[in-house]
Amino acid sequence: MFTVEARLSSSSAQNVAVYWGQNSYGATSGPFSQQRLAVYCANSALDVIPLAFSTAIHDEGMKPKINFANADNNCTLFPGSQLLNCSQLGYTYAKTILLSIGGATYAEGGFASPEDATNGADVIWRTFGPDRIDNTDPRPFGSSAVDGFDMDFEAAVINMGPFANRLRSLMMEDAALSGKQWYLTAAPQCPYPDFAENEMLNGSVFFDVVWVQFYNNYCGLQSFQKGATRQASFNFDVWDSWATNVSKNPDVKVMLGVPGSATAAGSGYTSLSELTPIMDYCKRFRSFGGVMVWDASQAFQNGNFLVGIKGSLGES
């Protein structure tokens, strides 16, 4: 069962989120291949694990589709769909588990109408939200529910505002009944405004956290100028301004998205020693909420990278 205790704190600047599911390091066996989810849940250096990805919302049989790379080998398909049954992914560790929707292979382009978007959110909620006695939809994690949903779209989408707002409404309704803390997050790229997700980030959707991808772009970590009074390209300040002046949630947290190793991104990776002054710079901003890392398979083969990030976040 997924534990009811969650670790993401929307008031903290020391959160560490690590994506799991895509085995991006690419090892097919051994300690550096992607391990079971429970292995990472047992690690005290991270607080949040977005599961990457739900790559379709209305796939075969009008069911969602999930892809967890080599972890799929331990799953089976629900009849009449491409939806995986991965009930073994349940765990008992106190981490916040989110379902990340999108990814590079998401190709549905959003929804034809706001009504379709609302229906899509209802499907995701029945499939991954709280289990209900009258629910007949297949559930990949059995009776377990995730702790929220992450929007990670890499290409243009439409009607995602109504989709995200419907999920927020469902989470609020359940929270009023159960007391559970739910989270809605997004993973824009650092150029502002984000090409794919601006419909949701323009003040129309209440997000708890955004973890901005500061890699694979001109504004990535590699553009940070140590000691500079103002940054020419590295634009955490722009995202802090978004949090204060545009975001529907004025207390939204902005997290620094970083590659977990040199092979995790085309550009933007920095060693722990180079990353530390960047984190110190970001701590100056009211919205700073911690660090997001792509992804678990990369970070866990990179020595003390994660432990070092967690330790640096705890230093004033």
C-alpha atoms as a PDB file:
ATOM      1  CA  MET A   1       0.000   0.000   0.000  1.00  0.00           C
ATOM      2  CA  PHE A   2       1.123   3.568  -0.605  1.00  0.00           C
ATOM      3  CA  THR A   3       1.637   5.206   2.758  1.00  0.00           C
ATOM      4  CA  VAL A   4      -0.681   8.048   3.767  1.00  0.00           C
ATOM      5  CA  GLU A   5       2.308  10.067   5.022  1.00  0.00           C
ATOM      6  CA  ALA A   6       3.865  12.329   2.396  1.00  0.00           C
ATOM      7  CA  ARG A   7       7.131  14.226   2.450  1.00  0.00           C
ATOM      8  CA  LEU A   8       6.759  17.148   0.040  1.00  0.00           C
ATOM      9  CA  SER A   9       6.482  20.367   2.015  1.00  0.00           C
ATOM     10  CA  SER A  10       5.052  23.375   0.217  1.00  0.00           C
ATOM     11  CA  SER A  11       6.559  25.623   2.909  1.00  0.00           C
ATOM     12  CA  SER A  12      10.099  24.221   2.727  1.00  0.00           C
ATOM     13  CA  ALA A  13      13.137  25.217   0.655  1.00  0.00           C
ATOM     14  CA  GLN A  14      14.805  21.837   1.233  1.00  0.00           C
ATOM     15  CA  ASN A  15      12.681  19.487  -0.898  1.00  0.00           C
ATOM     16  CA  VAL A  16      14.415  17.007  -3.190  1.00  0.00           C
ATOM     17  CA  ALA A  17      12.371  15.410  -5.982  1.00  0.00           C
ATOM     18  CA  VAL A  18      13.768  12.628  -8.173  1.00  0.00           C
ATOM     19  CA  TYR A  19      11.981  11.271 -11.234  1.00  0.00           C
ATOM     20  CA  TRP A  20      11.719   7.493 -11.492  1.00  0.00           C
ATOM     21  CA  GLY A  21      10.512   5.324 -14.345  1.00  0.00           C
ATOM     22  CA  GLN A  22      12.584   5.907 -17.480  1.00  0.00           C
ATOM     23  CA  ASN A  23      15.932   4.283 -16.640  1.00  0.00           C
ATOM     24  CA  SER A  24      17.591   7.040 -18.648  1.00  0.00           C
ATOM     25  CA  TYR A  25      21.112   5.941 -17.672  1.00  0.00           C
ATOM     26  CA  GLY A  26      20.386   2.907 -19.815  1.00  0.00           C
ATOM     27  CA  ALA A  27      22.047   0.068 -17.896  1.00  0.00           C
ATOM     28  CA  THR A  28      20.212  -3.196 -18.524  1.00  0.00           C
ATOM     29  CA  SER A  29      21.455  -5.003 -15.438  1.00  0.00           C
ATOM     30  CA  GLY A  30      23.483  -4.507 -12.295  1.00  0.00           C
ATOM     31  CA  PRO A  31      23.288  -1.850  -9.576  1.00  0.00           C
ATOM     32  CA  PHE A  32      23.134   1.079 -12.028  1.00  0.00           C
ATOM     33  CA  SER A  33      20.067  -0.135 -13.899  1.00  0.00           C
ATOM     34  CA  GLN A  34      16.776   1.263 -12.652  1.00  0.00           C
ATOM     35  CA  GLN A  35      15.817  -0.550  -9.447  1.00  0.00           C
ATOM     36  CA  ARG A  36      12.406  -1.197  -7.949  1.00  0.00           C
ATOM     37  CA  LEU A  37      10.593   1.878  -6.690  1.00  0.00           C
ATOM     38  CA  ALA A  38      10.944   0.690  -3.087  1.00  0.00           C
ATOM     39  CA  VAL A  39      14.749   0.946  -3.330  1.00  0.00           C
ATOM     40  CA  TYR A  40      14.567   4.704  -3.914  1.00  0.00           C
ATOM     41  CA  CYS A  41      11.755   5.188  -1.426  1.00  0.00           C
ATOM     42  CA  ALA A  42      14.102   3.858   1.253  1.00  0.00           C
ATOM     43  CA  ASN A  43      16.644   6.620   0.582  1.00  0.00           C
ATOM     44  CA  SER A  44      16.552   9.543   3.001  1.00  0.00           C
ATOM     45  CA  ALA A  45      18.136  11.991   0.522  1.00  0.00           C
ATOM     46  CA  LEU A  46      14.915  12.438  -1.449  1.00  0.00           C
ATOM     47  CA  ASP A  47      11.376  13.416  -0.534  1.00  0.00           C
ATOM     48  CA  VAL A  48       9.329  13.278  -3.725  1.00  0.00           C
ATOM     49  CA  ILE A  49       9.205  10.745  -6.563  1.00  0.00           C
ATOM     50  CA  PRO A  50       7.296  11.606  -9.738  1.00  0.00           C
ATOM     51  CA  LEU A  51       6.570   8.398 -11.657  1.00  0.00           C
ATOM     52  CA  ALA A  52       7.541   8.923 -15.302  1.00  0.00           C
ATOM     53  CA  PHE A  53       5.331   8.651 -17.270  1.00  0.00           C
ATOM     54  CA  SER A  54       1.703   8.301 -18.140  1.00  0.00           C
ATOM     55  CA  THR A  55       2.340   8.720 -21.867  1.00  0.00           C
ATOM     56  CA  ALA A  56      -1.316   8.740 -22.925  1.00  0.00           C
ATOM     57  CA  ILE A  57      -4.614   9.570 -21.270  1.00  0.00           C
ATOM     58  CA  HIS A  58      -6.969   8.031 -23.845  1.00  0.00           C
ATOM     59  CA  ASP A  59      -5.078   5.119 -25.378  1.00  0.00           C
ATOM     60  CA  GLU A  60      -6.442   1.744 -26.528  1.00  0.00           C
ATOM     61  CA  GLY A  61      -9.841   1.077 -24.960  1.00  0.00           C
ATOM     62  CA  MET A  62      -9.930   4.767 -23.918  1.00  0.00           C
ATOM     63  CA  LYS A  63      -7.635   3.877 -21.025  1.00  0.00           C
ATOM     64  CA  PRO A  64      -4.429   5.655 -19.955  1.00  0.00           C
ATOM     65  CA  LYS A  65      -1.031   4.262 -20.835  1.00  0.00           C
ATOM     66  CA  ILE A  66       1.992   4.165 -18.540  1.00  0.00           C
ATOM     67  CA  ASN A  67       5.612   3.432 -19.349  1.00  0.00           C
ATOM     68  CA  PHE A  68       8.226   2.692 -16.685  1.00  0.00           C
ATOM     69  CA  ALA A  69      10.998   1.310 -18.921  1.00  0.00           C
ATOM     70  CA  ASN A  70      12.601  -1.831 -17.453  1.00  0.00           C
ATOM     71  CA  ALA A  71      10.134  -1.853 -14.539  1.00  0.00           C
ATOM     72  CA  ASP A  72       7.457  -2.798 -17.095  1.00  0.00           C
ATOM     73  CA  ASN A  73       8.966  -6.274 -17.146  1.00  0.00           C
ATOM     74  CA  ASN A  74       7.282  -6.977 -13.817  1.00  0.00           C
ATOM     75  CA  CYS A  75       3.865  -5.799 -15.008  1.00  0.00           C
ATOM     76  CA  THR A  76       1.078  -7.326 -17.093  1.00  0.00           C
ATOM     77  CA  LEU A  77      -1.502  -5.732 -19.401  1.00  0.00           C
ATOM     78  CA  PHE A  78      -5.117  -5.221 -18.491  1.00  0.00           C
ATOM     79  CA  PRO A  79      -7.269  -6.964 -21.146  1.00  0.00           C
ATOM     80  CA  GLY A  80      -8.301  -4.813 -24.098  1.00  0.00           C
ATOM     81  CA  SER A  81      -5.811  -2.032 -23.372  1.00  0.00           C
ATOM     82  CA  GLN A  82      -2.154  -1.077 -23.212  1.00  0.00           C
ATOM     83  CA  LEU A  83      -2.528  -0.147 -19.538  1.00  0.00           C
ATOM     84  CA  LEU A  84      -0.037  -1.938 -17.320  1.00  0.00           C
ATOM     85  CA  ASN A  85      -1.019  -3.697 -14.114  1.00  0.00           C
ATOM     86  CA  CYS A  86       1.873  -2.893 -11.755  1.00  0.00           C
ATOM     87  CA  SER A  87       0.347  -3.491  -8.338  1.00  0.00           C
ATOM     88  CA  GLN A  88       3.755  -4.602  -7.028  1.00  0.00           C
ATOM     89  CA  LEU A  89       4.876  -0.964  -7.060  1.00  0.00           C
ATOM     90  CA  GLY A  90       3.110  -0.336  -3.763  1.00  0.00           C
ATOM     91  CA  TYR A  91       5.415   0.609  -0.878  1.00  0.00           C
ATOM     92  CA  THR A  92       5.391   1.611   2.779  1.00  0.00           C
ATOM     93  CA  TYR A  93       7.941   4.435   2.865  1.00  0.00           C
ATOM     94  CA  ALA A  94       7.039   8.030   3.682  1.00  0.00           C
ATOM     95  CA  LYS A  95       7.566   9.680   0.308  1.00  0.00           C
ATOM     96  CA  THR A  96       5.301  11.808  -1.855  1.00  0.00           C
ATOM     97  CA  ILE A  97       4.507   9.823  -4.994  1.00  0.00           C
ATOM     98  CA  LEU A  98       3.181  11.699  -8.019  1.00  0.00           C
ATOM     99  CA  LEU A  99       2.079  10.433 -11.402  1.00  0.00           C
ATOM    100  CA  SER A 100       3.837  12.466 -14.076  1.00  0.00           C
ATOM    101  CA  ILE A 101       1.701  12.861 -17.188  1.00  0.00           C
ATOM    102  CA  GLY A 102       3.350  13.567 -20.533  1.00  0.00           C
ATOM    103  CA  GLY A 103       7.018  13.063 -21.273  1.00  0.00           C
ATOM    104  CA  ALA A 104       8.811  13.234 -24.611  1.00  0.00           C
ATOM    105  CA  THR A 105       6.691  10.499 -26.217  1.00  0.00           C
ATOM    106  CA  TYR A 106       3.300  11.952 -25.290  1.00  0.00           C
ATOM    107  CA  ALA A 107       1.613  12.613 -28.655  1.00  0.00           C
ATOM    108  CA  GLU A 108      -2.085  13.215 -27.984  1.00  0.00           C
ATOM    109  CA  GLY A 109      -1.731  16.989 -28.182  1.00  0.00           C
ATOM    110  CA  GLY A 110      -4.155  17.595 -25.338  1.00  0.00           C
ATOM    111  CA  PHE A 111      -7.917  17.551 -25.833  1.00  0.00           C
ATOM    112  CA  ALA A 112     -10.355  18.595 -28.546  1.00  0.00           C
ATOM    113  CA  SER A 113     -12.537  20.516 -26.077  1.00  0.00           C
ATOM    114  CA  PRO A 114     -12.733  21.532 -22.409  1.00  0.00           C
ATOM    115  CA  GLU A 115     -15.381  18.836 -21.948  1.00  0.00           C
ATOM    116  CA  ASP A 116     -13.012  16.181 -23.290  1.00  0.00           C
ATOM    117  CA  ALA A 117     -10.339  17.499 -20.939  1.00  0.00           C
ATOM    118  CA  THR A 118     -12.654  17.180 -17.949  1.00  0.00           C
ATOM    119  CA  ASN A 119     -13.531  13.628 -18.968  1.00  0.00           C
ATOM    120  CA  GLY A 120      -9.834  12.824 -19.321  1.00  0.00           C
ATOM    121  CA  ALA A 121      -9.153  14.082 -15.812  1.00  0.00           C
ATOM    122  CA  ASP A 122     -11.962  11.896 -14.504  1.00  0.00           C
ATOM    123  CA  VAL A 123     -10.349   8.856 -16.167  1.00  0.00           C
ATOM    124  CA  ILE A 124      -6.960   9.638 -14.605  1.00  0.00           C
ATOM    125  CA  TRP A 125      -8.601  10.169 -11.207  1.00  0.00           C
ATOM    126  CA  ARG A 126     -10.497   6.863 -11.305  1.00  0.00           C
ATOM    127  CA  THR A 127      -7.353   5.046 -12.447  1.00  0.00           C
ATOM    128  CA  PHE A 128      -4.759   6.535 -10.085  1.00  0.00           C
ATOM    129  CA  GLY A 129      -6.701   8.479  -7.444  1.00  0.00           C
ATOM    130  CA  PRO A 130      -8.454   7.084  -4.362  1.00  0.00           C
ATOM    131  CA  ASP A 131     -10.080   3.685  -4.815  1.00  0.00           C
ATOM    132  CA  ARG A 132     -13.866   3.641  -4.649  1.00  0.00           C
ATOM    133  CA  ILE A 133     -16.183   0.694  -4.113  1.00  0.00           C
ATOM    134  CA  ASP A 134     -18.230   1.583  -7.199  1.00  0.00           C
ATOM    135  CA  ASN A 135     -15.181   2.133  -9.430  1.00  0.00           C
ATOM    136  CA  THR A 136     -14.854  -0.476 -12.182  1.00  0.00           C
ATOM    137  CA  ASP A 137     -11.890   1.097 -14.003  1.00  0.00           C
ATOM    138  CA  PRO A 138      -8.635  -0.937 -14.048  1.00  0.00           C
ATOM    139  CA  ARG A 139      -6.129   0.401 -11.518  1.00  0.00           C
ATOM    140  CA  PRO A 140      -2.402  -0.190 -12.191  1.00  0.00           C
ATOM    141  CA  PHE A 141      -1.490   0.223  -8.512  1.00  0.00           C
ATOM    142  CA  GLY A 142      -4.425  -1.739  -7.113  1.00  0.00           C
ATOM    143  CA  SER A 143      -6.123  -0.048  -4.175  1.00  0.00           C
ATOM    144  CA  SER A 144      -3.181   2.345  -3.712  1.00  0.00           C
ATOM    145  CA  ALA A 145      -3.463   5.978  -4.795  1.00  0.00           C
ATOM    146  CA  VAL A 146      -0.761   8.420  -5.769  1.00  0.00           C
ATOM    147  CA  ASP A 147      -0.368  11.675  -3.834  1.00  0.00           C
ATOM    148  CA  GLY A 148      -0.925  13.939  -6.810  1.00  0.00           C
ATOM    149  CA  PHE A 149      -0.194  14.637 -10.440  1.00  0.00           C
ATOM    150  CA  ASP A 150       2.652  16.260 -12.360  1.00  0.00           C
ATOM    151  CA  MET A 151       2.249  17.985 -15.746  1.00  0.00           C
ATOM    152  CA  ASP A 152       5.341  17.381 -17.907  1.00  0.00           C
ATOM    153  CA  PHE A 153       4.472  18.203 -21.505  1.00  0.00           C
ATOM    154  CA  GLU A 154       7.333  18.730 -23.934  1.00  0.00           C
ATOM    155  CA  ALA A 155       5.286  19.713 -27.019  1.00  0.00           C
ATOM    156  CA  ALA A 156       2.303  21.946 -27.701  1.00  0.00           C
ATOM    157  CA  VAL A 157      -0.960  20.870 -26.029  1.00  0.00           C
ATOM    158  CA  ILE A 158      -4.412  22.410 -25.877  1.00  0.00           C
ATOM    159  CA  ASN A 159      -7.165  22.395 -23.252  1.00  0.00           C
ATOM    160  CA  MET A 160      -4.763  21.303 -20.528  1.00  0.00           C
ATOM    161  CA  GLY A 161      -5.994  24.108 -18.272  1.00  0.00           C
ATOM    162  CA  PRO A 162      -9.446  22.496 -17.879  1.00  0.00           C
ATOM    163  CA  PHE A 163      -7.747  19.105 -17.430  1.00  0.00           C
ATOM    164  CA  ALA A 164      -5.502  20.317 -14.600  1.00  0.00           C
ATOM    165  CA  ASN A 165      -8.292  22.331 -12.989  1.00  0.00           C
ATOM    166  CA  ARG A 166     -10.568  19.295 -12.934  1.00  0.00           C
ATOM    167  CA  LEU A 167      -7.846  17.282 -11.192  1.00  0.00           C
ATOM    168  CA  ARG A 168      -7.425  20.106  -8.673  1.00  0.00           C
ATOM    169  CA  SER A 169     -11.173  20.152  -8.028  1.00  0.00           C
ATOM    170  CA  LEU A 170     -11.277  16.385  -7.473  1.00  0.00           C
ATOM    171  CA  MET A 171      -8.307  16.578  -5.105  1.00  0.00           C
ATOM    172  CA  MET A 172      -9.956  19.338  -3.081  1.00  0.00           C
ATOM    173  CA  GLU A 173     -13.186  17.361  -2.823  1.00  0.00           C
ATOM    174  CA  ASP A 174     -11.347  14.289  -1.570  1.00  0.00           C
ATOM    175  CA  ALA A 175      -9.191  16.302   0.831  1.00  0.00           C
ATOM    176  CA  ALA A 176     -12.337  17.734   2.439  1.00  0.00           C
ATOM    177  CA  LEU A 177     -13.574  14.191   3.079  1.00  0.00           C
ATOM    178  CA  SER A 178     -10.373  12.288   3.825  1.00  0.00           C
ATOM    179  CA  GLY A 179      -7.962  14.952   5.053  1.00  0.00           C
ATOM    180  CA  LYS A 180      -5.338  13.729   2.590  1.00  0.00           C
ATOM    181  CA  GLN A 181      -2.828  16.263   1.273  1.00  0.00           C
ATOM    182  CA  TRP A 182      -2.821  16.275  -2.535  1.00  0.00           C
ATOM    183  CA  TYR A 183      -0.346  17.992  -4.843  1.00  0.00           C
ATOM    184  CA  LEU A 184      -0.439  19.374  -8.362  1.00  0.00           C
ATOM    185  CA  THR A 185       2.924  20.130  -9.956  1.00  0.00           C
ATOM    186  CA  ALA A 186       4.383  21.066 -13.335  1.00  0.00           C
ATOM    187  CA  ALA A 187       7.767  20.686 -15.031  1.00  0.00           C
ATOM    188  CA  PRO A 188       8.264  23.570 -17.484  1.00  0.00           C
ATOM    189  CA  GLN A 189      11.521  24.193 -19.316  1.00  0.00           C
ATOM    190  CA  CYS A 190      13.458  27.262 -18.242  1.00  0.00           C
ATOM    191  CA  PRO A 191      12.704  29.614 -21.189  1.00  0.00           C
ATOM    192  CA  TYR A 192       9.803  31.816 -20.100  1.00  0.00           C
ATOM    193  CA  PRO A 193       7.003  31.536 -20.938  1.00  0.00           C
ATOM    194  CA  ASP A 194       7.149  27.782 -21.387  1.00  0.00           C
ATOM    195  CA  PHE A 195       6.072  26.805 -24.904  1.00  0.00           C
ATOM    196  CA  ALA A 196       4.148  23.678 -23.943  1.00  0.00           C
ATOM    197  CA  GLU A 197       2.655  24.509 -20.547  1.00  0.00           C
ATOM    198  CA  ASN A 198       1.941  28.239 -20.613  1.00  0.00           C
ATOM    199  CA  GLU A 199      -1.817  27.625 -20.869  1.00  0.00           C
ATOM    200  CA  MET A 200      -1.656  26.156 -17.379  1.00  0.00           C
ATOM    201  CA  LEU A 201       1.034  28.502 -16.031  1.00  0.00           C
ATOM    202  CA  ASN A 202      -0.575  31.786 -17.088  1.00  0.00           C
ATOM    203  CA  GLY A 203      -2.512  32.079 -13.830  1.00  0.00           C
ATOM    204  CA  SER A 204      -5.349  29.721 -14.700  1.00  0.00           C
ATOM    205  CA  VAL A 205      -4.286  26.688 -12.619  1.00  0.00           C
ATOM    206  CA  PHE A 206      -3.374  26.474  -8.917  1.00  0.00           C
ATOM    207  CA  PHE A 207      -0.055  24.602  -8.712  1.00  0.00           C
ATOM    208  CA  ASP A 208       1.672  23.701  -5.461  1.00  0.00           C
ATOM    209  CA  VAL A 209       5.148  23.377  -6.989  1.00  0.00           C
ATOM    210  CA  VAL A 210       6.829  23.816 -10.350  1.00  0.00           C
ATOM    211  CA  TRP A 211      10.221  22.244 -10.920  1.00  0.00           C
ATOM    212  CA  VAL A 212      11.790  24.141 -13.772  1.00  0.00           C
ATOM    213  CA  GLN A 213      14.110  22.200 -16.085  1.00  0.00           C
ATOM    214  CA  PHE A 214      17.344  24.186 -16.078  1.00  0.00           C
ATOM    215  CA  TYR A 215      18.984  21.985 -18.698  1.00  0.00           C
ATOM    216  CA  ASN A 216      18.935  21.447 -22.469  1.00  0.00           C
ATOM    217  CA  ASN A 217      18.411  25.193 -22.935  1.00  0.00           C
ATOM    218  CA  TYR A 218      20.390  28.454 -23.086  1.00  0.00           C
ATOM    219  CA  CYS A 219      19.098  29.346 -19.591  1.00  0.00           C
ATOM    220  CA  GLY A 220      20.381  26.105 -18.072  1.00  0.00           C
ATOM    221  CA  LEU A 221      22.791  25.655 -15.196  1.00  0.00           C
ATOM    222  CA  GLN A 222      25.777  26.013 -17.548  1.00  0.00           C
ATOM    223  CA  SER A 223      24.849  29.687 -18.042  1.00  0.00           C
ATOM    224  CA  PHE A 224      25.131  30.557 -14.334  1.00  0.00           C
ATOM    225  CA  GLN A 225      27.754  33.235 -13.664  1.00  0.00           C
ATOM    226  CA  LYS A 226      29.240  32.765 -10.218  1.00  0.00           C
ATOM    227  CA  GLY A 227      29.574  36.013  -8.317  1.00  0.00           C
ATOM    228  CA  ALA A 228      27.587  38.063 -10.832  1.00  0.00           C
ATOM    229  CA  THR A 229      25.201  40.657  -9.408  1.00  0.00           C
ATOM    230  CA  ARG A 230      22.733  39.908 -12.186  1.00  0.00           C
ATOM    231  CA  GLN A 231      22.517  36.785 -14.294  1.00  0.00           C
ATOM    232  CA  ALA A 232      22.544  37.287 -18.061  1.00  0.00           C
ATOM    233  CA  SER A 233      20.884  34.006 -19.083  1.00  0.00           C
ATOM    234  CA  PHE A 234      20.277  31.865 -16.007  1.00  0.00           C
ATOM    235  CA  ASN A 235      16.747  32.970 -15.149  1.00  0.00           C
ATOM    236  CA  PHE A 236      15.617  31.658 -11.794  1.00  0.00           C
ATOM    237  CA  ASP A 237      14.741  35.277 -11.015  1.00  0.00           C
ATOM    238  CA  VAL A 238      12.229  35.268 -13.884  1.00  0.00           C
ATOM    239  CA  TRP A 239      10.503  32.205 -12.478  1.00  0.00           C
ATOM    240  CA  ASP A 240      10.482  33.766  -9.019  1.00  0.00           C
ATOM    241  CA  SER A 241       8.749  36.781 -10.560  1.00  0.00           C
ATOM    242  CA  TRP A 242       6.252  34.417 -12.206  1.00  0.00           C
ATOM    243  CA  ALA A 243       5.540  32.884  -8.789  1.00  0.00           C
ATOM    244  CA  THR A 244       4.861  36.293  -7.254  1.00  0.00           C
ATOM    245  CA  ASN A 245       3.048  38.071 -10.067  1.00  0.00           C
ATOM    246  CA  VAL A 246       1.449  35.493 -12.366  1.00  0.00           C
ATOM    247  CA  SER A 247       0.883  32.200 -10.561  1.00  0.00           C
ATOM    248  CA  LYS A 248      -2.647  31.525  -9.348  1.00  0.00           C
ATOM    249  CA  ASN A 249      -1.049  30.286  -6.137  1.00  0.00           C
ATOM    250  CA  PRO A 250       1.020  33.204  -4.741  1.00  0.00           C
ATOM    251  CA  ASP A 251       2.806  30.761  -2.426  1.00  0.00           C
ATOM    252  CA  VAL A 252       3.817  28.312  -5.156  1.00  0.00           C
ATOM    253  CA  LYS A 253       7.299  26.851  -4.793  1.00  0.00           C
ATOM    254  CA  VAL A 254       9.801  26.922  -7.650  1.00  0.00           C
ATOM    255  CA  MET A 255      12.347  24.113  -7.608  1.00  0.00           C
ATOM    256  CA  LEU A 256      15.659  24.018  -9.437  1.00  0.00           C
ATOM    257  CA  GLY A 257      15.573  21.186 -11.999  1.00  0.00           C
ATOM    258  CA  VAL A 258      19.003  19.610 -12.608  1.00  0.00           C
ATOM    259  CA  PRO A 259      20.411  16.604 -14.515  1.00  0.00           C
ATOM    260  CA  GLY A 260      21.443  13.730 -12.269  1.00  0.00           C
ATOM    261  CA  SER A 261      24.704  13.126 -14.123  1.00  0.00           C
ATOM    262  CA  ALA A 262      26.610  14.147 -17.233  1.00  0.00           C
ATOM    263  CA  THR A 263      24.618  11.703 -19.396  1.00  0.00           C
ATOM    264  CA  ALA A 264      21.205  12.828 -18.124  1.00  0.00           C
ATOM    265  CA  ALA A 265      20.896  15.828 -20.466  1.00  0.00           C
ATOM    266  CA  GLY A 266      22.443  17.324 -23.564  1.00  0.00           C
ATOM    267  CA  SER A 267      23.548  20.377 -21.582  1.00  0.00           C
ATOM    268  CA  GLY A 268      23.187  21.790 -18.092  1.00  0.00           C
ATOM    269  CA  TYR A 269      24.872  19.166 -15.916  1.00  0.00           C
ATOM    270  CA  THR A 270      27.111  20.600 -13.228  1.00  0.00           C
ATOM    271  CA  SER A 271      29.104  18.755 -10.593  1.00  0.00           C
ATOM    272  CA  LEU A 272      28.069  19.044  -6.972  1.00  0.00           C
ATOM    273  CA  SER A 273      30.808  21.599  -6.309  1.00  0.00           C
ATOM    274  CA  GLU A 274      29.551  23.735  -9.218  1.00  0.00           C
ATOM    275  CA  LEU A 275      25.912  23.230  -8.267  1.00  0.00           C
ATOM    276  CA  THR A 276      26.324  24.386  -4.666  1.00  0.00           C
ATOM    277  CA  PRO A 277      26.777  28.110  -5.453  1.00  0.00           C
ATOM    278  CA  ILE A 278      23.803  27.927  -7.821  1.00  0.00           C
ATOM    279  CA  MET A 279      21.655  26.532  -5.026  1.00  0.00           C
ATOM    280  CA  ASP A 280      22.963  29.240  -2.693  1.00  0.00           C
ATOM    281  CA  TYR A 281      21.963  31.880  -5.237  1.00  0.00           C
ATOM    282  CA  CYS A 282      18.463  30.397  -5.607  1.00  0.00           C
ATOM    283  CA  LYS A 283      17.978  30.345  -1.836  1.00  0.00           C
ATOM    284  CA  ARG A 284      17.759  34.141  -1.954  1.00  0.00           C
ATOM    285  CA  PHE A 285      14.373  33.940  -3.616  1.00  0.00           C
ATOM    286  CA  ARG A 286      11.178  33.613  -1.598  1.00  0.00           C
ATOM    287  CA  SER A 287       9.711  31.023  -3.972  1.00  0.00           C
ATOM    288  CA  PHE A 288      12.682  28.618  -3.850  1.00  0.00           C
ATOM    289  CA  GLY A 289      11.519  25.161  -2.832  1.00  0.00           C
ATOM    290  CA  GLY A 290      14.498  22.865  -3.365  1.00  0.00           C
ATOM    291  CA  VAL A 291      15.903  20.749  -6.190  1.00  0.00           C
ATOM    292  CA  MET A 292      14.414  18.358  -8.748  1.00  0.00           C
ATOM    293  CA  VAL A 293      16.700  15.746 -10.318  1.00  0.00           C
ATOM    294  CA  TRP A 294      16.318  13.877 -13.609  1.00  0.00           C
ATOM    295  CA  ASP A 295      16.402  10.958 -12.981  1.00  0.00           C
ATOM    296  CA  ALA A 296      16.910   8.223 -10.364  1.00  0.00           C
ATOM    297  CA  SER A 297      19.009   5.928 -12.572  1.00  0.00           C
ATOM    298  CA  GLN A 298      21.376   8.806 -13.377  1.00  0.00           C
ATOM    299  CA  ALA A 299      21.666  10.239  -9.882  1.00  0.00           C
ATOM    300  CA  PHE A 300      22.199   6.948  -8.091  1.00  0.00           C
ATOM    301  CA  GLN A 301      25.228   6.028 -10.206  1.00  0.00           C
ATOM    302  CA  ASN A 302      26.732   9.480  -9.630  1.00  0.00           C
ATOM    303  CA  GLY A 303      28.435   8.990  -6.278  1.00  0.00           C
ATOM    304  CA  ASN A 304      27.221  11.252  -3.470  1.00  0.00           C
ATOM    305  CA  PHE A 305      25.408  13.675  -5.798  1.00  0.00           C
ATOM    306  CA  LEU A 306      21.983  13.329  -4.160  1.00  0.00           C
ATOM    307  CA  VAL A 307      23.312  13.224  -0.612  1.00  0.00           C
ATOM    308  CA  GLY A 308      25.348  16.313  -1.341  1.00  0.00           C
ATOM    309  CA  ILE A 309      22.345  18.190  -2.709  1.00  0.00           C
ATOM    310  CA  LYS A 310      20.282  17.337   0.367  1.00  0.00           C
ATOM    311  CA  GLY A 311      23.082  18.438   2.655  1.00  0.00           C
ATOM    312  CA  SER A 312      23.634  21.716   0.795  1.00  0.00           C
ATOM    313  CA  LEU A 313      19.946  22.563   0.938  1.00  0.00           C
ATOM    314  CA  GLY A 314      20.046  22.235   4.703  1.00  0.00           C
ATOM    315  CA  GLU A 315      22.860  24.777   5.021  1.00  0.00           C
ATOM    316  CA  SER A 316      21.917  28.429   5.450  1.00  0.00           C
END
